[in-house]
N, C-alpha and C. Protein backbone atom coordinates (compact mmCIF):
# COMPACT_ATOMS: atom_id res chain seq x y z
N MET A 1 103.58 59.41 90.17
CA MET A 1 103.76 59.46 91.77
C MET A 1 102.51 58.96 92.14
N GLU A 2 101.90 57.52 91.79
CA GLU A 2 100.37 57.25 92.58
C GLU A 2 99.68 58.23 91.64
N ASN A 3 99.75 58.46 90.15
CA ASN A 3 98.71 58.94 89.73
C ASN A 3 98.05 60.22 90.54
N TRP A 4 99.11 61.26 90.94
CA TRP A 4 98.99 62.30 91.52
C TRP A 4 98.66 63.37 90.45
N GLU A 5 97.65 63.88 90.78
CA GLU A 5 96.68 64.70 89.54
C GLU A 5 96.81 66.30 90.63
N PHE A 6 97.58 67.07 89.88
CA PHE A 6 97.57 68.87 90.79
C PHE A 6 96.45 69.01 91.07
N ARG A 7 96.03 69.17 89.35
CA ARG A 7 94.23 69.56 89.72
C ARG A 7 93.60 69.49 90.31
N GLU A 8 93.51 68.31 90.58
CA GLU A 8 92.30 67.50 91.16
C GLU A 8 92.46 68.20 92.63
N TRP A 9 93.88 67.89 93.48
CA TRP A 9 94.43 68.02 94.31
C TRP A 9 94.02 69.93 94.36
N GLN A 10 94.48 70.67 93.54
CA GLN A 10 94.07 71.82 93.84
C GLN A 10 92.45 72.05 94.42
N ALA A 11 91.59 71.62 93.98
CA ALA A 11 90.21 71.12 94.23
C ALA A 11 89.83 70.83 95.30
N ALA A 12 90.75 69.41 95.70
CA ALA A 12 89.96 68.92 97.31
C ALA A 12 90.88 69.65 98.26
N LEU A 13 91.95 70.37 97.93
CA LEU A 13 91.99 71.79 99.19
C LEU A 13 91.74 72.99 99.23
N GLY A 14 91.09 73.00 97.75
CA GLY A 14 90.02 74.34 98.36
C GLY A 14 88.89 74.29 98.29
N ALA A 15 88.21 72.86 98.69
CA ALA A 15 86.70 72.79 99.70
C ALA A 15 87.15 72.47 100.77
N LEU A 16 88.36 72.53 101.09
CA LEU A 16 88.38 72.68 102.69
C LEU A 16 87.76 73.89 103.30
N ASP A 17 87.81 74.51 104.49
CA ASP A 17 87.86 75.21 105.33
C ASP A 17 89.88 75.57 105.35
N PRO A 18 89.44 76.95 105.33
CA PRO A 18 91.10 77.63 105.27
C PRO A 18 91.92 77.41 106.34
N ARG A 19 91.89 77.33 107.06
CA ARG A 19 92.31 76.75 108.43
C ARG A 19 92.80 74.91 107.87
N ALA A 20 91.80 74.23 107.81
CA ALA A 20 92.58 72.96 107.78
C ALA A 20 93.53 72.98 106.64
N ALA A 21 92.82 73.60 104.88
CA ALA A 21 94.05 73.88 104.22
C ALA A 21 95.43 74.26 104.86
N ALA A 22 95.58 75.09 105.55
CA ALA A 22 96.67 75.74 106.03
C ALA A 22 97.38 74.29 106.53
N LEU A 23 96.66 73.58 107.61
CA LEU A 23 97.33 72.56 108.32
C LEU A 23 98.22 71.46 107.10
N VAL A 24 97.68 71.63 106.00
CA VAL A 24 98.21 70.37 105.26
C VAL A 24 99.18 70.99 104.73
N GLY A 25 99.36 72.29 104.42
CA GLY A 25 100.39 72.90 103.68
C GLY A 25 101.53 72.89 105.00
N LEU A 26 101.12 73.17 106.73
CA LEU A 26 102.35 73.59 107.37
C LEU A 26 102.56 72.35 107.41
N ALA A 27 101.77 71.01 107.47
CA ALA A 27 102.57 69.82 107.83
C ALA A 27 103.79 69.69 106.85
N ALA A 28 103.42 69.76 105.53
CA ALA A 28 104.10 69.44 104.55
C ALA A 28 105.59 70.57 105.05
N ALA A 29 105.37 71.96 105.35
CA ALA A 29 106.23 72.91 104.91
C ALA A 29 107.63 71.91 106.19
N GLU A 30 106.83 71.71 107.41
CA GLU A 30 107.54 71.11 108.27
C GLU A 30 108.55 69.60 108.72
N ARG A 31 108.13 68.58 107.57
CA ARG A 31 108.64 67.76 106.92
C ARG A 31 109.99 68.03 106.12
N ILE A 32 109.79 69.07 105.00
CA ILE A 32 110.77 68.93 104.61
C ILE A 32 112.10 70.49 105.63
N SER A 33 111.70 70.74 106.45
CA SER A 33 112.98 71.31 107.06
C SER A 33 113.95 70.43 107.78
N GLY A 34 113.74 69.70 107.63
CA GLY A 34 115.08 68.65 108.02
C GLY A 34 115.93 69.17 107.17
N CYS A 35 115.87 69.13 105.86
CA CYS A 35 117.12 69.67 104.75
C CYS A 35 117.53 71.11 105.02
N LEU A 36 117.07 71.63 106.17
CA LEU A 36 117.61 73.08 106.56
C LEU A 36 119.01 72.97 107.30
N ASP A 37 119.33 71.88 107.60
CA ASP A 37 120.85 71.40 108.35
C ASP A 37 121.47 71.05 107.69
N ASP A 38 121.79 71.04 106.53
CA ASP A 38 123.09 70.80 105.35
C ASP A 38 123.86 72.17 105.69
N GLU A 39 124.92 71.88 106.37
CA GLU A 39 126.23 72.71 107.12
C GLU A 39 126.71 73.27 105.71
N ARG A 40 126.91 72.64 104.34
CA ARG A 40 127.25 73.47 103.31
C ARG A 40 126.35 74.36 102.71
N PHE A 41 124.94 74.69 103.12
CA PHE A 41 124.30 75.57 103.06
C PHE A 41 124.40 76.54 103.97
N LEU A 42 124.50 76.06 105.39
CA LEU A 42 124.25 77.08 106.62
C LEU A 42 125.76 77.99 106.63
N ARG A 43 126.52 77.40 106.47
CA ARG A 43 127.92 78.41 106.02
C ARG A 43 128.06 79.60 105.07
N HIS A 44 126.89 79.50 104.60
CA HIS A 44 126.61 80.33 103.42
C HIS A 44 125.49 81.27 103.45
N GLY A 45 124.67 80.92 104.76
CA GLY A 45 123.36 81.89 105.11
C GLY A 45 122.34 80.84 105.85
N PRO A 46 123.19 81.10 106.93
CA PRO A 46 122.52 80.50 108.27
C PRO A 46 120.97 81.23 108.29
N ARG A 47 121.12 82.76 108.08
CA ARG A 47 119.42 83.24 108.77
C ARG A 47 118.36 82.97 108.21
N ALA A 48 118.68 82.04 107.00
CA ALA A 48 117.57 81.87 105.78
C ALA A 48 116.71 80.96 106.76
N ALA A 49 117.83 80.09 107.07
CA ALA A 49 117.55 79.06 107.58
C ALA A 49 116.69 79.03 109.06
N GLU A 50 117.04 80.04 109.71
CA GLU A 50 116.78 80.64 111.10
C GLU A 50 115.11 80.93 111.01
N ALA A 51 115.12 81.87 110.14
CA ALA A 51 113.88 82.53 109.70
C ALA A 51 112.78 81.83 108.98
N ALA A 52 113.44 80.29 108.46
CA ALA A 52 112.30 79.70 108.23
C ALA A 52 111.63 78.96 109.19
N ARG A 53 112.76 78.31 110.37
CA ARG A 53 112.01 77.76 111.67
C ARG A 53 111.29 78.75 112.11
N GLU A 54 111.67 79.64 112.17
CA GLU A 54 110.82 80.74 112.96
C GLU A 54 109.73 81.19 112.34
N LEU A 55 109.28 81.34 110.97
CA LEU A 55 108.13 81.59 110.34
C LEU A 55 107.16 79.92 110.89
N LEU A 56 107.96 79.08 110.81
CA LEU A 56 106.92 77.69 111.19
C LEU A 56 106.09 78.14 112.60
N ARG A 57 107.19 78.08 113.21
CA ARG A 57 106.25 78.33 114.70
C ARG A 57 105.61 78.91 114.80
N GLU A 58 105.51 80.34 114.54
CA GLU A 58 104.64 81.57 114.27
C GLU A 58 103.42 81.09 113.38
N CYS A 59 103.36 80.37 112.51
CA CYS A 59 102.43 79.57 111.93
C CYS A 59 101.44 78.95 112.44
N TRP A 60 102.28 77.87 113.24
CA TRP A 60 101.55 77.31 114.13
C TRP A 60 101.12 77.86 115.28
N SER A 61 101.46 78.65 115.66
CA SER A 61 101.19 79.91 117.04
C SER A 61 99.63 80.62 116.71
N VAL A 62 100.07 81.60 115.41
CA VAL A 62 98.59 82.20 114.59
C VAL A 62 97.86 81.59 114.29
N ALA A 63 97.39 80.38 114.12
CA ALA A 63 96.49 79.87 113.81
C ALA A 63 96.17 78.90 115.66
N GLY A 64 96.59 79.21 116.46
CA GLY A 64 96.42 78.90 117.64
C GLY A 64 96.38 77.17 118.01
N PHE A 65 97.47 77.15 117.77
CA PHE A 65 97.55 75.12 117.38
C PHE A 65 98.80 74.80 118.41
N PRO A 66 99.35 73.84 118.94
CA PRO A 66 100.02 73.86 119.67
C PRO A 66 101.33 74.25 119.94
N ASP A 67 101.69 74.92 121.35
CA ASP A 67 103.07 75.35 121.12
C ASP A 67 103.00 76.74 121.12
N GLY A 68 101.87 77.37 120.55
CA GLY A 68 101.45 78.42 120.12
C GLY A 68 100.57 79.35 121.54
N ASP A 69 100.47 80.66 121.48
CA ASP A 69 99.72 81.19 122.07
C ASP A 69 98.17 81.05 122.58
N GLY A 70 98.11 80.89 121.22
CA GLY A 70 96.15 80.44 121.10
C GLY A 70 95.85 81.34 121.20
N ASP A 71 95.87 82.46 121.03
CA ASP A 71 94.57 83.37 121.70
C ASP A 71 94.38 84.28 119.90
N GLY A 72 94.84 83.64 118.89
CA GLY A 72 94.53 83.93 117.71
C GLY A 72 94.26 85.29 117.55
N ASP A 73 95.06 86.52 117.93
CA ASP A 73 94.82 87.52 118.00
C ASP A 73 95.70 88.66 117.15
N GLY A 74 95.39 89.78 117.04
CA GLY A 74 96.38 90.66 115.77
C GLY A 74 97.72 90.38 115.76
N SER A 75 97.83 90.38 117.17
CA SER A 75 99.82 90.70 117.66
C SER A 75 100.16 89.77 116.75
N ALA A 76 99.56 88.17 116.83
CA ALA A 76 100.05 86.83 116.44
C ALA A 76 100.24 87.23 114.81
N SER A 77 99.30 87.12 114.07
CA SER A 77 99.21 87.62 112.73
C SER A 77 100.36 88.72 112.20
N THR A 78 100.34 89.54 113.37
CA THR A 78 101.61 90.69 112.44
C THR A 78 102.69 90.46 113.11
N ARG A 79 103.05 88.98 113.81
CA ARG A 79 104.73 88.44 113.65
C ARG A 79 104.48 87.60 112.56
N ILE A 80 103.67 86.80 112.27
CA ILE A 80 103.70 85.76 111.02
C ILE A 80 104.40 86.63 109.82
N ARG A 81 103.32 87.95 110.22
CA ARG A 81 103.58 88.58 108.47
C ARG A 81 104.94 89.11 109.18
N ASP A 82 105.31 89.42 109.76
CA ASP A 82 106.87 90.13 109.96
C ASP A 82 107.75 89.02 109.30
N VAL A 83 107.89 87.99 110.20
CA VAL A 83 108.78 86.68 109.30
C VAL A 83 108.58 86.31 107.95
N ALA A 84 107.29 86.45 107.84
CA ALA A 84 107.53 86.25 106.43
C ALA A 84 107.76 87.13 105.32
N ASP A 85 107.79 88.04 105.82
CA ASP A 85 108.33 89.58 104.90
C ASP A 85 109.98 88.62 104.55
N GLU A 86 110.30 88.78 106.08
CA GLU A 86 111.74 88.58 106.13
C GLU A 86 112.25 87.15 105.66
N LEU A 87 111.72 86.10 105.34
CA LEU A 87 112.16 85.03 104.84
C LEU A 87 111.94 85.18 103.05
N ALA A 88 110.74 86.05 102.99
CA ALA A 88 110.39 86.34 101.58
C ALA A 88 111.74 86.86 101.04
N GLY A 89 111.86 87.93 101.18
CA GLY A 89 113.19 88.88 101.09
C GLY A 89 114.59 87.67 100.85
N HIS A 90 114.62 86.74 101.57
CA HIS A 90 115.96 86.01 101.37
C HIS A 90 115.21 85.02 100.08
N VAL A 91 113.99 84.24 100.12
CA VAL A 91 113.65 83.76 98.62
C VAL A 91 113.95 84.18 97.44
N ALA A 92 113.28 85.36 97.77
CA ALA A 92 113.45 86.58 96.15
C ALA A 92 114.79 87.02 96.08
N ALA A 93 115.67 87.03 96.66
CA ALA A 93 117.34 87.33 96.90
C ALA A 93 117.92 85.51 95.64
N CYS A 94 117.26 84.68 96.63
CA CYS A 94 118.18 83.51 95.52
C CYS A 94 117.54 83.25 94.45
N GLN A 95 115.93 83.72 94.52
CA GLN A 95 115.33 83.19 93.26
C GLN A 95 116.16 83.87 91.77
N ASN A 96 116.27 85.71 92.02
CA ASN A 96 116.40 86.51 91.08
C ASN A 96 117.87 86.71 91.16
N LEU A 97 118.74 85.94 92.03
CA LEU A 97 120.25 86.67 91.92
C LEU A 97 120.77 85.36 90.78
N SER A 98 122.11 85.66 90.34
CA SER A 98 122.61 84.41 89.72
C SER A 98 123.25 83.90 91.07
N MET A 99 124.06 82.75 90.79
CA MET A 99 124.35 81.90 92.24
C MET A 99 125.91 82.60 91.93
N THR A 100 126.54 83.49 91.45
CA THR A 100 127.75 83.92 91.62
C THR A 100 127.37 85.20 93.03
N GLU A 101 126.14 85.67 92.77
CA GLU A 101 125.66 87.01 93.63
C GLU A 101 125.19 86.44 94.78
N VAL A 102 124.55 85.28 94.96
CA VAL A 102 123.87 85.09 95.80
C VAL A 102 124.92 84.30 97.25
N PHE A 103 126.04 84.11 96.44
CA PHE A 103 127.11 83.55 97.30
C PHE A 103 128.19 84.77 97.62
N ARG A 104 128.04 85.95 96.56
CA ARG A 104 128.57 87.00 97.47
C ARG A 104 127.75 87.74 98.78
N SER A 105 126.11 87.27 98.08
CA SER A 105 125.42 88.24 99.41
C SER A 105 125.00 87.61 100.54
N TYR A 106 125.07 86.05 100.11
CA TYR A 106 125.63 85.16 101.91
C TYR A 106 126.44 85.38 102.41
N VAL A 107 127.46 85.57 102.15
CA VAL A 107 128.91 85.52 102.75
C VAL A 107 128.78 86.47 103.92
N PRO A 108 128.50 87.74 104.02
CA PRO A 108 128.27 88.93 105.57
C PRO A 108 127.11 88.00 106.36
N LEU A 109 125.95 87.39 105.85
CA LEU A 109 125.23 86.92 106.59
C LEU A 109 125.85 85.85 107.91
N ALA A 110 126.75 85.13 107.26
CA ALA A 110 127.90 84.36 108.40
C ALA A 110 127.99 84.90 109.24
N GLY A 111 128.68 85.94 109.31
CA GLY A 111 129.10 86.74 110.82
C GLY A 111 127.85 88.09 111.32
N ASP A 112 128.37 88.70 112.42
CA ASP A 112 127.95 89.55 112.88
C ASP A 112 128.54 91.03 112.41
N GLU A 113 127.27 91.55 112.32
CA GLU A 113 127.61 92.74 111.59
C GLU A 113 128.44 93.70 112.93
N ASP A 114 127.90 93.40 113.66
CA ASP A 114 129.11 94.37 114.67
C ASP A 114 129.93 94.51 114.96
N GLU A 115 130.60 93.03 114.46
CA GLU A 115 131.53 92.88 114.42
C GLU A 115 132.74 93.27 113.05
N GLY A 116 132.19 94.00 112.22
CA GLY A 116 132.97 94.11 111.65
C GLY A 116 132.38 92.99 109.76
N PRO A 117 133.16 93.71 108.74
CA PRO A 117 132.87 92.57 107.63
C PRO A 117 133.78 91.11 108.16
N VAL A 118 133.10 90.26 107.23
CA VAL A 118 134.00 88.78 107.37
C VAL A 118 135.59 88.63 106.83
N GLU A 119 136.04 88.29 107.67
CA GLU A 119 137.79 89.12 106.81
C GLU A 119 138.27 87.91 105.53
N GLU A 120 137.48 87.00 106.08
CA GLU A 120 138.10 85.64 104.77
C GLU A 120 136.61 85.54 103.77
N VAL A 121 136.84 85.48 103.02
CA VAL A 121 135.73 85.26 101.90
C VAL A 121 136.22 84.03 101.34
N PRO A 122 135.28 83.24 100.98
CA PRO A 122 135.76 81.87 100.58
C PRO A 122 135.79 81.66 99.29
N ASP A 123 136.46 81.04 98.28
CA ASP A 123 136.63 81.26 97.22
C ASP A 123 134.88 80.23 96.47
N LEU A 124 134.92 81.23 95.46
CA LEU A 124 133.71 81.17 94.81
C LEU A 124 133.63 79.45 93.85
N GLU A 125 134.74 79.35 93.37
CA GLU A 125 134.43 77.76 92.66
C GLU A 125 134.81 76.85 93.83
N GLU A 126 135.10 77.08 94.74
CA GLU A 126 135.19 76.22 96.10
C GLU A 126 133.80 75.65 96.79
N PHE A 127 133.07 77.22 96.42
CA PHE A 127 131.28 77.03 96.88
C PHE A 127 130.49 76.31 96.14
N LEU A 128 130.91 76.87 95.05
CA LEU A 128 129.85 76.00 93.61
C LEU A 128 130.09 74.65 93.71
N GLU A 129 131.26 74.27 94.21
CA GLU A 129 132.10 72.65 94.02
C GLU A 129 130.57 72.05 95.40
N GLU A 130 131.30 72.34 96.69
CA GLU A 130 130.94 71.55 97.77
C GLU A 130 129.09 72.04 97.97
N ALA A 131 128.61 73.25 97.54
CA ALA A 131 127.25 73.23 97.73
C ALA A 131 126.33 72.84 96.58
N GLU A 132 126.74 72.00 95.55
CA GLU A 132 126.31 71.39 94.73
C GLU A 132 124.90 72.08 94.06
N PRO A 133 125.28 73.20 93.32
CA PRO A 133 123.81 73.93 93.05
C PRO A 133 122.60 73.68 92.53
N GLU A 134 123.10 72.23 92.05
CA GLU A 134 122.33 71.64 91.17
C GLU A 134 121.53 70.63 92.22
N GLY A 135 121.82 70.74 93.69
CA GLY A 135 121.43 69.63 94.48
C GLY A 135 120.93 70.21 95.90
N ALA A 136 121.86 70.56 96.94
CA ALA A 136 121.90 70.96 98.52
C ALA A 136 121.12 72.33 98.05
N VAL A 137 122.05 73.17 97.74
CA VAL A 137 121.10 74.67 97.66
C VAL A 137 120.38 74.91 96.79
N MET A 138 120.22 74.41 96.15
CA MET A 138 118.76 74.85 95.04
C MET A 138 117.59 73.62 95.88
N MET A 139 117.80 72.81 96.62
CA MET A 139 116.97 72.08 97.32
C MET A 139 116.65 73.05 98.65
N HIS A 140 117.41 73.87 99.39
CA HIS A 140 117.20 74.64 99.67
C HIS A 140 116.25 75.88 99.69
N PHE A 141 116.75 76.11 98.59
CA PHE A 141 115.67 77.93 98.08
C PHE A 141 114.19 77.11 97.42
N ASP A 142 114.29 75.82 97.35
CA ASP A 142 112.61 75.22 97.09
C ASP A 142 111.96 75.33 98.49
N ALA A 143 113.06 74.63 99.78
CA ALA A 143 112.41 74.35 100.56
C ALA A 143 112.15 75.64 101.30
N LEU A 144 112.86 76.75 101.13
CA LEU A 144 112.54 78.65 102.34
C LEU A 144 111.77 78.58 101.21
N ALA A 145 110.78 78.71 99.75
CA ALA A 145 109.83 78.87 99.25
C ALA A 145 108.84 78.57 99.59
N ALA A 146 108.76 77.09 100.03
CA ALA A 146 107.88 76.56 100.47
C ALA A 146 107.23 76.38 101.52
N MET A 147 107.78 77.37 102.56
CA MET A 147 107.79 77.86 103.67
C MET A 147 106.92 78.88 103.58
N GLU A 148 107.75 79.62 102.84
CA GLU A 148 106.74 80.71 102.49
C GLU A 148 105.40 80.56 102.18
N GLU A 149 105.25 80.04 101.10
CA GLU A 149 103.74 79.89 101.03
C GLU A 149 102.99 79.23 102.05
N ALA A 150 103.62 78.44 102.68
CA ALA A 150 102.79 77.86 103.76
C ALA A 150 102.45 78.86 104.96
N ALA A 151 103.31 79.71 105.21
CA ALA A 151 103.02 81.36 105.68
C ALA A 151 101.56 81.55 105.11
N ALA A 152 101.68 81.91 103.76
CA ALA A 152 100.45 82.54 102.95
C ALA A 152 99.33 82.12 103.42
N ALA A 153 99.91 80.50 103.13
CA ALA A 153 98.12 79.65 103.68
C ALA A 153 97.67 80.00 104.94
N CYS A 154 98.35 80.08 106.02
CA CYS A 154 97.99 80.29 107.57
C CYS A 154 97.17 81.94 107.49
N ALA A 155 97.63 82.77 106.56
CA ALA A 155 97.57 84.14 106.41
C ALA A 155 95.77 84.13 105.87
N GLY A 156 95.80 82.97 105.19
CA GLY A 156 94.12 83.26 104.26
C GLY A 156 94.50 82.67 103.01
N GLY A 157 95.72 82.94 102.76
CA GLY A 157 95.65 82.31 100.98
C GLY A 157 95.79 81.00 100.83
N PRO A 158 96.05 80.59 99.41
CA PRO A 158 95.88 78.96 98.95
C PRO A 158 97.30 78.93 99.25
N TRP A 159 97.22 77.18 99.16
CA TRP A 159 98.50 76.64 99.46
C TRP A 159 98.60 76.04 98.07
N ASP A 160 99.66 76.45 97.87
CA ASP A 160 100.40 76.73 96.53
C ASP A 160 102.01 76.01 96.31
N GLY A 161 102.61 75.13 98.36
CA GLY A 161 103.51 74.77 97.88
C GLY A 161 103.77 73.26 97.98
N ALA A 162 102.68 72.80 97.37
CA ALA A 162 102.85 71.28 97.24
C ALA A 162 103.57 70.65 96.48
N LEU A 163 103.87 71.09 94.67
CA LEU A 163 104.56 70.96 94.18
C LEU A 163 105.73 71.29 94.50
N ARG A 164 105.82 72.10 95.02
CA ARG A 164 107.21 72.31 95.86
C ARG A 164 108.15 71.35 96.41
N CYS A 165 106.95 71.10 97.27
CA CYS A 165 107.26 70.23 98.52
C CYS A 165 108.07 68.66 97.98
N LEU A 166 107.24 68.65 96.67
CA LEU A 166 107.69 67.18 95.69
C LEU A 166 109.11 67.39 95.56
N GLN A 167 109.23 68.63 94.93
CA GLN A 167 110.49 68.54 94.37
C GLN A 167 111.82 69.10 95.19
N VAL A 168 111.43 68.98 96.50
CA VAL A 168 112.67 69.17 97.51
C VAL A 168 112.64 67.49 97.42
N THR A 169 111.65 66.68 98.09
CA THR A 169 111.51 65.00 98.48
C THR A 169 112.32 64.54 97.06
N ALA A 170 112.00 64.96 96.06
CA ALA A 170 112.84 64.18 94.77
C ALA A 170 114.05 64.56 94.42
N MET A 171 114.46 65.59 94.65
CA MET A 171 115.87 66.10 94.57
C MET A 171 116.81 65.61 95.18
N ALA A 172 116.26 65.47 97.18
CA ALA A 172 116.57 65.30 97.70
C ALA A 172 117.53 63.44 97.71
N ALA A 173 116.31 63.04 97.34
CA ALA A 173 116.76 61.18 97.48
C ALA A 173 117.77 60.91 96.15
N ASP A 174 117.01 62.04 94.98
CA ASP A 174 118.13 61.78 93.40
C ASP A 174 119.26 62.05 93.78
N ARG A 175 119.49 63.42 94.45
CA ARG A 175 121.05 63.90 94.82
C ARG A 175 121.92 63.01 95.67
N HIS A 176 120.91 62.29 96.28
CA HIS A 176 121.33 61.83 97.44
C HIS A 176 121.74 60.56 97.87
N ASP A 177 120.40 59.44 97.98
CA ASP A 177 120.12 58.02 98.30
C ASP A 177 119.23 57.76 97.90
N PRO A 178 118.91 57.10 97.90
CA PRO A 178 117.22 56.54 97.39
C PRO A 178 116.41 56.04 98.45
N ARG A 179 116.89 56.23 99.83
CA ARG A 179 116.65 55.49 101.05
C ARG A 179 115.68 56.93 101.85
N LEU A 180 116.80 58.57 101.43
CA LEU A 180 115.76 58.95 101.87
C LEU A 180 114.41 59.59 101.30
N PRO A 181 113.53 59.95 101.70
CA PRO A 181 112.35 60.29 101.87
C PRO A 181 112.18 60.67 100.41
N GLY A 182 111.21 60.05 98.99
CA GLY A 182 111.40 60.72 97.77
C GLY A 182 109.70 61.55 97.38
N PRO A 183 109.69 61.85 96.40
CA PRO A 183 108.11 62.24 96.11
C PRO A 183 106.99 61.52 96.86
N VAL A 184 107.08 60.11 96.65
CA VAL A 184 106.07 58.91 96.20
C VAL A 184 105.82 59.02 98.14
N ALA A 185 106.61 59.38 98.93
CA ALA A 185 106.52 58.96 100.49
C ALA A 185 105.83 60.65 100.61
N GLU A 186 106.00 61.80 100.28
CA GLU A 186 105.70 62.68 100.44
C GLU A 186 103.89 62.68 99.92
N VAL A 187 103.81 62.50 98.93
CA VAL A 187 102.32 63.04 98.33
C VAL A 187 101.37 61.66 99.39
N ARG A 188 101.81 60.28 99.69
CA ARG A 188 101.47 59.89 100.34
C ARG A 188 101.07 60.53 101.91
N ARG A 189 101.89 61.00 102.26
CA ARG A 189 101.71 62.30 103.55
C ARG A 189 100.66 63.08 103.40
N GLN A 190 100.86 63.91 102.16
CA GLN A 190 100.10 64.77 101.77
C GLN A 190 98.46 64.29 102.37
N ARG A 191 98.44 63.05 101.26
CA ARG A 191 96.71 62.67 101.32
C ARG A 191 96.36 62.21 102.74
N GLU A 192 97.06 61.68 103.37
CA GLU A 192 97.08 61.25 104.57
C GLU A 192 96.45 62.53 105.54
N ASP A 193 97.28 63.32 105.22
CA ASP A 193 96.56 64.80 106.13
C ASP A 193 95.78 65.48 105.40
N LEU A 194 95.25 65.17 104.08
CA LEU A 194 94.15 65.64 104.04
C LEU A 194 92.79 65.12 104.45
N LEU A 195 92.66 63.73 104.27
CA LEU A 195 91.68 62.93 104.72
C LEU A 195 91.45 63.17 106.43
N SER A 196 92.82 63.65 107.70
CA SER A 196 92.26 63.61 108.51
C SER A 196 92.02 64.71 108.65
N VAL A 197 91.99 66.11 108.01
CA VAL A 197 91.60 67.05 108.29
C VAL A 197 90.47 67.45 107.54
N ARG A 198 89.99 66.28 106.65
CA ARG A 198 88.63 66.80 106.12
C ARG A 198 87.62 65.64 106.88
N GLU A 199 88.33 65.01 107.58
CA GLU A 199 87.22 64.16 108.66
C GLU A 199 87.01 65.03 109.86
N ALA A 200 87.76 65.85 110.22
CA ALA A 200 87.37 66.13 111.51
C ALA A 200 86.91 67.34 111.77
N ASP A 201 86.00 67.90 112.15
CA ASP A 201 84.81 69.12 112.97
C ASP A 201 85.57 70.39 113.52
N GLY A 202 85.48 71.43 113.40
CA GLY A 202 85.58 72.24 114.20
C GLY A 202 86.90 71.82 115.28
N ALA A 203 85.82 71.33 116.17
CA ALA A 203 86.30 71.58 117.73
C ALA A 203 87.40 70.10 117.69
N GLN A 204 87.25 69.64 116.59
CA GLN A 204 88.29 68.05 116.39
C GLN A 204 89.33 68.86 115.99
N LEU A 205 89.39 69.85 115.15
CA LEU A 205 90.99 70.64 114.58
C LEU A 205 92.14 70.33 114.97
N ARG A 206 91.79 71.56 116.55
CA ARG A 206 93.07 71.32 117.35
C ARG A 206 93.88 69.92 117.56
N HIS A 207 93.28 69.14 117.77
CA HIS A 207 93.66 67.91 118.31
C HIS A 207 94.58 67.37 116.91
N VAL A 208 93.90 67.47 116.10
CA VAL A 208 94.16 66.70 114.25
C VAL A 208 95.67 67.60 113.87
N ALA A 209 95.73 68.99 114.52
CA ALA A 209 96.87 69.84 114.27
C ALA A 209 98.13 69.67 115.01
N ALA A 210 97.92 69.00 116.14
CA ALA A 210 98.97 68.43 117.19
C ALA A 210 99.00 67.09 116.55
N ARG A 211 98.27 66.26 116.14
CA ARG A 211 98.99 65.06 115.58
C ARG A 211 99.81 65.22 114.23
N LEU A 212 99.13 65.84 113.56
CA LEU A 212 100.03 65.89 112.15
C LEU A 212 101.09 66.88 112.68
N ARG A 213 101.78 67.69 113.48
CA ARG A 213 102.87 68.74 113.61
C ARG A 213 103.63 67.45 114.31
N THR A 214 103.04 66.49 115.08
CA THR A 214 104.74 66.13 115.55
C THR A 214 104.75 65.08 114.99
N ARG A 215 103.50 64.30 113.50
CA ARG A 215 104.36 63.55 113.02
C ARG A 215 105.24 63.71 111.72
N ALA A 216 104.67 65.45 111.40
CA ALA A 216 105.67 65.84 110.56
C ALA A 216 107.21 65.80 110.78
N GLN A 217 107.05 66.68 112.79
CA GLN A 217 108.62 66.50 112.97
C GLN A 217 109.10 65.68 113.17
N ALA A 218 108.33 64.17 113.36
CA ALA A 218 109.10 62.90 113.14
C ALA A 218 109.71 62.64 112.08
N ASP A 219 109.33 63.09 111.02
CA ASP A 219 109.38 62.84 109.52
C ASP A 219 110.66 63.56 109.24
N ALA A 220 111.11 64.80 110.06
CA ALA A 220 111.60 65.78 109.41
C ALA A 220 113.02 65.58 109.98
N ALA A 221 113.08 64.78 111.67
CA ALA A 221 114.26 64.54 111.98
C ALA A 221 114.38 63.39 111.98
N GLY A 222 113.34 62.34 110.98
CA GLY A 222 113.94 61.08 110.19
C GLY A 222 114.88 61.91 108.73
N TRP A 223 114.71 62.41 108.54
CA TRP A 223 115.27 62.86 107.54
C TRP A 223 116.78 63.23 108.00
N ARG A 224 117.12 64.32 108.74
CA ARG A 224 118.27 64.28 109.46
C ARG A 224 118.75 63.30 110.13
N ARG A 225 118.10 62.62 110.54
CA ARG A 225 119.19 61.15 111.29
C ARG A 225 120.07 60.45 109.71
N ALA A 226 118.47 60.18 109.04
CA ALA A 226 118.92 59.52 107.27
C ALA A 226 120.87 60.11 107.02
N THR A 227 120.34 61.64 106.39
CA THR A 227 121.55 62.37 106.35
C THR A 227 122.60 62.65 106.83
N GLU A 228 122.56 62.30 108.21
CA GLU A 228 123.51 62.17 109.07
C GLU A 228 124.40 60.73 109.36
N ARG A 229 123.40 59.95 109.00
CA ARG A 229 123.87 58.55 108.83
C ARG A 229 124.88 58.47 107.62
N LEU A 230 124.88 59.36 106.41
CA LEU A 230 124.91 59.04 104.73
C LEU A 230 126.34 59.74 105.23
N GLY A 231 125.93 60.71 106.06
CA GLY A 231 127.38 61.99 105.69
C GLY A 231 127.09 62.72 105.02
N LEU A 232 125.70 63.25 104.99
CA LEU A 232 125.26 64.26 104.17
C LEU A 232 125.35 65.64 104.41
N LEU A 233 125.19 65.57 105.49
CA LEU A 233 124.91 66.96 106.12
C LEU A 233 126.61 67.37 106.22
N HIS A 234 127.56 66.93 106.09
CA HIS A 234 129.21 67.58 106.38
C HIS A 234 129.90 67.51 104.93
N ASP A 235 130.69 68.12 104.89
CA ASP A 235 131.61 68.09 103.50
C ASP A 235 132.17 66.66 103.53
């Protein structure tokens, strides 16, 4: 992957202003959000994908980036913590439970609690077959975890999701089609983003944020179009 060295990458990110480093993580998380549209996953756990997208929006907002409230106040920080906590719960469940338990725990999320329990529970073997545990579902788990880590970066923590984003893109290309964005493309984007924020001063960072977010959203949309064209979002 273009001789990408993770320790050197960590050092480069550590040398950045925390806000700038958070931008690199946010852009990476935004790119891989395109994989959250896989219907095989959404049928069994739509709330996790919704929480992830909500978290991304709040991340951009809490740092005063475009489309946010721009006030940088405590209420924004509270919102992002609340959404991050919710997403963290989904991620923890995905990582700690067996596939059988994940399947059973996700089924109620597909319905409305006020409408009572879900009447028809899908067959476990059918779920495991169509969800491809080594592909689509596991890719989603990694994507959700990467977005949680991006939120932690926005709250002042380190950005630890770079490898996870590479894993998501590698799995997408390997399991589905080589025309989908792979790890080499993700490494290139992360390097470009790092250079952009490194060269920007404080006054320019807001404009850099807008540019990075727009490009990351375009990348995510491209992923969705490619998977839709290849029939990968449906059974």
